[in-house]
């Protein structure tokens, strides 16, 4: 009960935090969009993480579940602040028997000291699709995304058995899972930072919540779960003479988890209608006949000081002089109708 209450409190805090962050993203995005940002693009985001808080609601009082490695990938396409994406996740968890064995006695008051324990790991896979919402910083170097997904999962493993060696008596048992095509939901908050000038390669980190609905347990010899009740007697854990409690009806119970992750992000921008002369996306475009307007600020190569009243020469790729001019008192000169890209002092 204490573990369940603790996990429920963590879940409530998680959803409150997620709601607050979403509100901040919506409020910030209203005032921060910039028309110079490249809004339409594909995005590939491989990741690795840790499933921190797995929650298996399968009514096994002496079996808990530990976190494990998560890895996956997201494929997204964005139209400004909205987008759509596909996620793939692979998560590992490990069951852990919490049945007390340090001070255990059989009904005849003989201490039990030899046990066998088998705990098989659980593999969960998820693939889902759904909408995205994002905030882009004015420079486009930072983005924050809220991803929502609906899809299907498969869950396999988790068989756990604690038994006495001699005579062989099961004390704690769960048959595990082998379930497929499970309806699942995922919510993910991801933060990206882009390093290079093109703003197409960077790193990300984030948090996710994943929930699988009505996951059917396995059954072994007609039993899905079992534990041997005991009572405390004179400081000893004494096994009940009535035998173990068994559950033959397989539970269709939800499984959920919270995890953290980090990875790399690569964006693929579609080709835009760039300037045919200089190759950049600016307005108005240059043309081979009319040229471009070019503003030059002259600075000393070594000191970086502004150079007023300095002669500036523009040459083409063949070394021919096409424009000449002199900087003003602020070290600036403006050329009109320039068809070249090479500048010399």
Protein backbone atom coordinates (compact mmCIF):
# COMPACT_ATOMS: atom_id res chain seq x y z
CA UNK A 1 0.00 0.00 0.00
CA UNK A 2 2.82 2.41 0.88
CA UNK A 3 4.54 1.75 -2.46
CA UNK A 4 1.25 2.30 -4.31
CA UNK A 5 0.60 5.60 -2.50
CA UNK A 6 4.15 6.80 -3.17
CA UNK A 7 3.85 6.01 -6.89
CA UNK A 8 0.43 7.71 -7.08
CA UNK A 9 1.91 10.88 -5.54
CA UNK A 10 4.75 10.83 -8.05
CA UNK A 11 2.25 10.40 -10.90
CA UNK A 12 0.19 13.39 -9.73
CA UNK A 13 3.29 15.57 -9.48
CA UNK A 14 4.39 14.46 -12.94
CA UNK A 15 1.08 15.42 -14.58
CA UNK A 16 0.97 18.77 -12.73
CA UNK A 17 4.48 19.57 -13.97
CA UNK A 18 3.61 18.49 -17.52
CA UNK A 19 0.50 20.70 -17.53
CA UNK A 20 2.49 23.69 -16.29
CA UNK A 21 5.21 23.26 -18.91
CA UNK A 22 2.61 22.94 -21.69
CA UNK A 23 0.97 26.18 -20.55
CA UNK A 24 4.34 27.96 -20.62
CA UNK A 25 5.06 26.67 -24.14
CA UNK A 26 1.72 27.88 -25.46
CA UNK A 27 2.12 31.30 -23.84
CA UNK A 28 5.69 31.73 -25.07
CA UNK A 29 4.96 30.63 -28.62
CA UNK A 30 2.35 33.38 -29.11
CA UNK A 31 5.04 36.08 -28.78
CA UNK A 32 8.18 34.36 -30.06
CA UNK A 33 7.56 33.21 -33.62
CA UNK A 34 9.89 34.72 -36.21
CA UNK A 35 9.21 34.60 -39.94
CA UNK A 36 12.93 34.04 -40.65
CA UNK A 37 12.86 30.67 -38.86
CA UNK A 38 12.73 27.53 -40.99
CA UNK A 39 9.45 26.04 -39.84
CA UNK A 40 8.88 23.10 -42.21
CA UNK A 41 11.25 20.18 -41.77
CA UNK A 42 11.76 16.49 -41.07
CA UNK A 43 13.40 15.53 -37.79
CA UNK A 44 15.15 12.31 -36.74
CA UNK A 45 15.83 11.79 -33.02
CA UNK A 46 17.45 8.54 -31.79
CA UNK A 47 17.72 8.28 -27.99
CA UNK A 48 18.69 6.17 -25.01
CA UNK A 49 17.28 6.52 -21.52
CA UNK A 50 16.27 4.92 -18.26
CA UNK A 51 12.78 3.74 -17.31
CA UNK A 52 12.77 5.15 -13.77
CA UNK A 53 9.37 4.26 -12.37
CA UNK A 54 7.67 1.12 -13.78
CA UNK A 55 4.19 0.44 -12.33
CA UNK A 56 2.73 -3.05 -12.86
CA UNK A 57 -0.81 -3.26 -11.47
CA UNK A 58 -1.02 -7.05 -11.22
CA UNK A 59 -1.97 -7.67 -7.57
CA UNK A 60 1.28 -9.39 -6.55
CA UNK A 61 1.99 -8.07 -3.03
CA UNK A 62 5.54 -9.43 -2.80
CA UNK A 63 6.80 -8.64 -6.29
CA UNK A 64 8.11 -5.23 -7.25
CA UNK A 65 9.62 -4.02 -10.53
CA UNK A 66 12.91 -2.20 -11.08
CA UNK A 67 13.73 0.32 -13.76
CA UNK A 68 15.80 -0.46 -16.82
CA UNK A 69 17.29 0.74 -20.09
CA UNK A 70 15.11 2.41 -22.72
CA UNK A 71 16.13 3.11 -26.29
CA UNK A 72 14.14 4.34 -29.24
CA UNK A 73 13.77 6.76 -32.11
CA UNK A 74 11.34 9.49 -33.17
CA UNK A 75 10.56 10.55 -36.74
CA UNK A 76 8.72 13.87 -36.97
CA UNK A 77 7.56 16.41 -39.51
CA UNK A 78 6.74 19.99 -38.48
CA UNK A 79 4.61 22.75 -39.99
CA UNK A 80 5.57 25.72 -37.83
CA UNK A 81 4.51 24.95 -34.24
CA UNK A 82 2.46 21.84 -35.09
CA UNK A 83 3.68 18.51 -36.36
CA UNK A 84 3.13 14.78 -36.49
CA UNK A 85 5.50 12.00 -35.49
CA UNK A 86 6.13 8.29 -35.10
CA UNK A 87 7.87 6.79 -32.06
CA UNK A 88 9.50 3.42 -31.47
CA UNK A 89 10.56 2.40 -27.96
CA UNK A 90 12.16 -0.68 -26.45
CA UNK A 91 12.15 -0.88 -22.63
CA UNK A 92 13.58 -3.43 -20.19
CA UNK A 93 12.39 -3.97 -16.61
CA UNK A 94 13.38 -6.48 -13.96
CA UNK A 95 10.98 -8.11 -11.44
CA UNK A 96 12.16 -8.24 -7.85
CA UNK A 97 10.79 -10.62 -5.22
CA UNK A 98 10.28 -8.79 -1.92
CA UNK A 99 9.09 -11.85 0.00
CA UNK A 100 10.93 -11.95 3.39
CA UNK A 101 13.30 -14.90 3.78
CA UNK A 102 15.69 -13.85 6.55
CA UNK A 103 13.57 -15.12 9.44
CA UNK A 104 11.19 -17.62 7.83
CA UNK A 105 9.90 -20.80 9.54
CA UNK A 106 7.65 -23.62 8.40
CA UNK A 107 4.46 -24.49 10.36
CA UNK A 108 6.52 -26.96 12.43
CA UNK A 109 8.75 -24.08 13.65
CA UNK A 110 11.77 -25.24 11.63
CA UNK A 111 13.73 -22.40 10.08
CA UNK A 112 13.95 -22.36 6.28
CA UNK A 113 17.41 -21.39 5.02
CA UNK A 114 17.65 -22.68 1.43
CA UNK A 115 15.76 -20.98 -1.41
CA UNK A 116 15.62 -20.95 -5.19
CA UNK A 117 14.90 -17.62 -6.92
CA UNK A 118 14.22 -17.05 -10.61
CA UNK A 119 13.50 -13.53 -11.95
CA UNK A 120 13.22 -13.14 -15.72
CA UNK A 121 13.43 -9.68 -17.26
CA UNK A 122 10.53 -8.02 -19.09
CA UNK A 123 10.82 -6.58 -22.58
CA UNK A 124 8.32 -3.95 -23.72
CA UNK A 125 8.14 -2.56 -27.25
CA UNK A 126 5.93 0.30 -28.39
CA UNK A 127 5.22 1.93 -31.74
CA UNK A 128 2.83 4.85 -32.01
CA UNK A 129 1.84 7.89 -34.02
CA UNK A 130 0.36 11.23 -33.05
CA UNK A 131 0.49 15.04 -33.08
CA UNK A 132 3.29 17.32 -31.82
CA UNK A 133 3.35 20.86 -30.50
CA UNK A 134 6.57 22.87 -30.27
CA UNK A 135 8.07 26.18 -29.19
CA UNK A 136 10.98 27.59 -31.24
CA UNK A 137 13.33 30.22 -29.86
CA UNK A 138 13.75 33.39 -32.00
CA UNK A 139 17.17 32.13 -33.18
CA UNK A 140 15.87 28.59 -33.85
CA UNK A 141 18.76 27.10 -31.84
CA UNK A 142 16.42 25.82 -29.10
CA UNK A 143 13.08 24.02 -29.39
CA UNK A 144 10.78 22.44 -26.81
CA UNK A 145 8.31 19.79 -27.97
CA UNK A 146 5.28 18.06 -26.55
CA UNK A 147 4.74 14.74 -28.36
CA UNK A 148 1.60 12.61 -27.95
CA UNK A 149 1.30 9.10 -29.35
CA UNK A 150 -1.23 6.29 -29.58
CA UNK A 151 -0.18 2.86 -30.78
CA UNK A 152 0.33 -0.79 -29.94
CA UNK A 153 2.80 -2.64 -27.72
CA UNK A 154 4.07 -6.10 -26.96
CA UNK A 155 5.17 -7.21 -23.47
CA UNK A 156 7.02 -10.42 -22.77
CA UNK A 157 8.76 -11.95 -19.75
CA UNK A 158 8.65 -11.27 -16.03
CA UNK A 159 8.17 -14.82 -14.73
CA UNK A 160 9.19 -14.78 -11.06
CA UNK A 161 9.45 -17.77 -8.70
CA UNK A 162 10.76 -18.00 -5.14
CA UNK A 163 10.62 -21.50 -3.66
CA UNK A 164 12.01 -23.61 -0.84
CA UNK A 165 14.74 -26.02 -1.98
CA UNK A 166 13.78 -29.03 0.16
CA UNK A 167 11.00 -29.86 0.10
CA UNK A 168 10.16 -27.87 -3.05
CA UNK A 169 7.46 -25.43 -1.94
CA UNK A 170 6.58 -22.26 -3.93
CA UNK A 171 6.53 -19.14 -1.76
CA UNK A 172 6.10 -16.33 -4.26
CA UNK A 173 5.15 -16.65 -7.94
CA UNK A 174 4.00 -14.66 -10.93
CA UNK A 175 3.63 -16.21 -14.40
CA UNK A 176 4.71 -13.05 -16.25
CA UNK A 177 3.50 -11.83 -19.65
CA UNK A 178 3.36 -12.74 -23.31
CA UNK A 179 0.93 -10.13 -24.63
CA UNK A 180 0.76 -8.58 -28.10
CA UNK A 181 -1.15 -5.79 -29.88
CA UNK A 182 -1.81 -3.91 -26.64
CA UNK A 183 -3.43 -0.48 -26.98
CA UNK A 184 -0.97 2.03 -25.53
CA UNK A 185 -0.57 5.78 -25.03
CA UNK A 186 2.56 7.88 -24.68
CA UNK A 187 3.24 11.50 -23.73
CA UNK A 188 6.73 12.92 -24.15
CA UNK A 189 8.36 16.28 -23.40
CA UNK A 190 11.59 16.86 -25.35
CA UNK A 191 14.08 19.75 -25.38
CA UNK A 192 16.46 20.25 -28.34
CA UNK A 193 19.55 22.43 -28.72
CA UNK A 194 21.27 22.82 -32.12
CA UNK A 195 25.02 23.42 -32.30
CA UNK A 196 25.94 24.17 -35.90
CA UNK A 197 25.28 27.23 -38.05
CA UNK A 198 22.72 25.43 -40.21
CA UNK A 199 20.80 24.57 -37.02
CA UNK A 200 20.13 21.05 -38.21
CA UNK A 201 22.28 19.00 -35.80
CA UNK A 202 21.98 19.02 -32.03
CA UNK A 203 21.26 17.14 -28.82
CA UNK A 204 18.10 16.58 -26.84
CA UNK A 205 16.87 15.35 -23.48
CA UNK A 206 13.40 14.76 -22.08
CA UNK A 207 10.90 12.79 -20.04
CA UNK A 208 8.14 10.37 -21.09
CA UNK A 209 5.05 8.70 -19.65
CA UNK A 210 3.93 5.44 -21.27
CA UNK A 211 0.77 3.47 -20.43
CA UNK A 212 -0.35 0.04 -21.67
CA UNK A 213 -4.05 -0.81 -21.27
CA UNK A 214 -5.44 -4.18 -20.08
CA UNK A 215 -2.31 -6.31 -20.37
CA UNK A 216 -3.20 -10.00 -20.00
CA UNK A 217 -0.98 -12.08 -17.71
CA UNK A 218 0.32 -15.53 -18.51
CA UNK A 219 -0.98 -18.61 -16.71
CA UNK A 220 1.13 -21.59 -15.66
CA UNK A 221 -0.64 -24.83 -14.68
CA UNK A 222 -3.79 -22.75 -14.28
CA UNK A 223 -2.11 -20.28 -11.89
CA UNK A 224 -1.21 -16.67 -12.69
CA UNK A 225 0.07 -15.62 -9.27
CA UNK A 226 0.76 -17.20 -5.88
CA UNK A 227 2.18 -16.29 -2.49
CA UNK A 228 2.45 -18.17 0.79
CA UNK A 229 0.95 -16.16 3.65
CA UNK A 230 2.79 -15.96 6.96
CA UNK A 231 2.24 -14.52 10.42
CA UNK A 232 4.67 -13.09 12.93
CA UNK A 233 5.02 -15.34 15.96
CA UNK A 234 7.55 -14.58 18.72
CA UNK A 235 9.68 -12.58 16.31
CA UNK A 236 9.52 -15.27 13.62
CA UNK A 237 7.77 -15.27 10.23
CA UNK A 238 5.72 -18.45 10.45
CA UNK A 239 4.22 -19.94 7.27
CA UNK A 240 0.48 -20.52 7.36
CA UNK A 241 -0.60 -24.14 7.79
CA UNK A 242 -3.44 -23.54 5.30
CA UNK A 243 -1.04 -23.37 2.34
CA UNK A 244 -0.45 -20.74 -0.36
CA UNK A 245 -2.92 -18.22 -1.74
CA UNK A 246 -3.31 -18.67 -5.49
CA UNK A 247 -4.92 -16.61 -8.24
CA UNK A 248 -6.09 -18.59 -11.25
CA UNK A 249 -7.84 -15.75 -13.12
CA UNK A 250 -5.32 -13.93 -15.28
CA UNK A 251 -5.43 -10.20 -14.62
CA UNK A 252 -6.02 -7.74 -17.48
CA UNK A 253 -4.29 -4.89 -15.69
CA UNK A 254 -2.62 -1.68 -16.83
CA UNK A 255 1.14 -1.20 -16.92
CA UNK A 256 2.73 2.25 -16.99
CA UNK A 257 6.10 3.90 -16.47
CA UNK A 258 7.96 7.21 -16.34
CA UNK A 259 11.46 7.62 -17.76
CA UNK A 260 14.20 10.04 -18.76
CA UNK A 261 16.15 10.02 -22.01
CA UNK A 262 18.77 11.87 -24.06
CA UNK A 263 20.03 11.64 -27.63
CA UNK A 264 20.86 13.48 -30.84
CA UNK A 265 18.57 15.38 -33.20
CA UNK A 266 19.01 15.88 -36.93
CA UNK A 267 16.71 18.10 -39.00
CA UNK A 268 16.29 17.89 -42.78
CA UNK A 269 15.05 21.15 -44.25
CA UNK A 270 13.26 21.05 -47.63
CA UNK A 271 14.76 23.00 -50.50
CA UNK A 272 13.58 26.60 -50.52
CA UNK A 273 13.38 29.23 -53.22
CA UNK A 274 16.87 30.63 -52.56
CA UNK A 275 18.62 33.49 -54.27
CA UNK A 276 20.11 32.20 -57.57
CA UNK A 277 23.19 34.43 -57.16
CA UNK A 278 24.29 34.10 -53.53
CA UNK A 279 22.48 30.87 -52.64
CA UNK A 280 20.80 32.16 -49.45
CA UNK A 281 17.10 32.60 -48.70
CA UNK A 282 16.57 36.36 -48.52
CA UNK A 283 14.06 38.82 -49.95
CA UNK A 284 14.19 40.29 -52.52
CA UNK A 285 16.25 37.79 -54.52
CA UNK A 286 19.23 38.85 -56.59
CA UNK A 287 19.41 38.13 -60.29
CA UNK A 288 22.27 37.66 -62.72
CA UNK A 289 21.32 40.81 -64.63
CA UNK A 290 20.35 43.21 -61.82
CA UNK A 291 22.73 41.99 -59.11
CA UNK A 292 22.55 42.51 -55.34
CA UNK A 293 22.92 45.35 -52.92
CA UNK A 294 26.07 44.76 -50.82
CA UNK A 295 27.00 46.55 -47.61
CA UNK A 296 30.64 46.23 -46.51
CA UNK A 297 32.04 47.14 -43.09
CA UNK A 298 35.85 47.38 -43.19
CA UNK A 299 37.80 46.23 -40.12
CA UNK A 300 41.46 45.72 -39.38
CA UNK A 301 42.31 42.02 -39.83
CA UNK A 302 44.30 41.78 -36.59
CA UNK A 303 42.84 44.38 -34.21
CA UNK A 304 39.24 44.34 -35.42
CA UNK A 305 39.13 48.17 -35.46
CA UNK A 306 36.76 49.95 -37.87
CA UNK A 307 38.55 51.45 -40.92
CA UNK A 308 37.01 54.79 -42.07
CA UNK A 309 37.95 56.41 -45.42
CA UNK A 310 39.34 53.14 -46.74
CA UNK A 311 39.25 52.06 -50.40
CA UNK A 312 37.23 48.90 -51.05
CA UNK A 313 37.44 46.89 -54.26
CA UNK A 314 35.05 44.16 -55.37
CA UNK A 315 36.36 41.57 -57.81
CA UNK A 316 34.67 38.69 -59.56
CA UNK A 317 35.81 35.08 -59.50
CA UNK A 318 38.23 35.80 -62.36
CA UNK A 319 39.93 38.62 -60.49
CA UNK A 320 38.38 41.44 -62.53
CA UNK A 321 37.47 44.63 -60.66
CA UNK A 322 33.71 45.26 -60.84
CA UNK A 323 33.08 47.89 -58.16
CA UNK A 324 35.14 50.37 -56.16
CA UNK A 325 34.24 52.62 -53.26
CA UNK A 326 35.41 54.26 -50.04
CA UNK A 327 34.11 53.67 -46.53
CA UNK A 328 32.47 56.50 -44.61
CA UNK A 329 33.42 57.70 -41.14
CA UNK A 330 31.86 54.52 -39.71
CA UNK A 331 33.84 52.18 -41.94
CA UNK A 332 30.83 51.32 -44.12
CA UNK A 333 30.37 51.44 -47.89
CA UNK A 334 27.29 50.36 -49.87
CA UNK A 335 27.44 48.96 -53.44
CA UNK A 336 24.38 48.57 -55.64
CA UNK A 337 23.74 46.02 -58.41
CA UNK A 338 26.64 43.77 -57.44
CA UNK A 339 26.98 40.50 -59.33
CA UNK A 340 30.11 39.22 -57.55
CA UNK A 341 30.83 37.56 -54.25
CA UNK A 342 34.59 38.14 -53.76
CA UNK A 343 35.59 41.24 -51.75
CA UNK A 344 39.11 42.70 -51.31
CA UNK A 345 40.51 45.78 -49.64
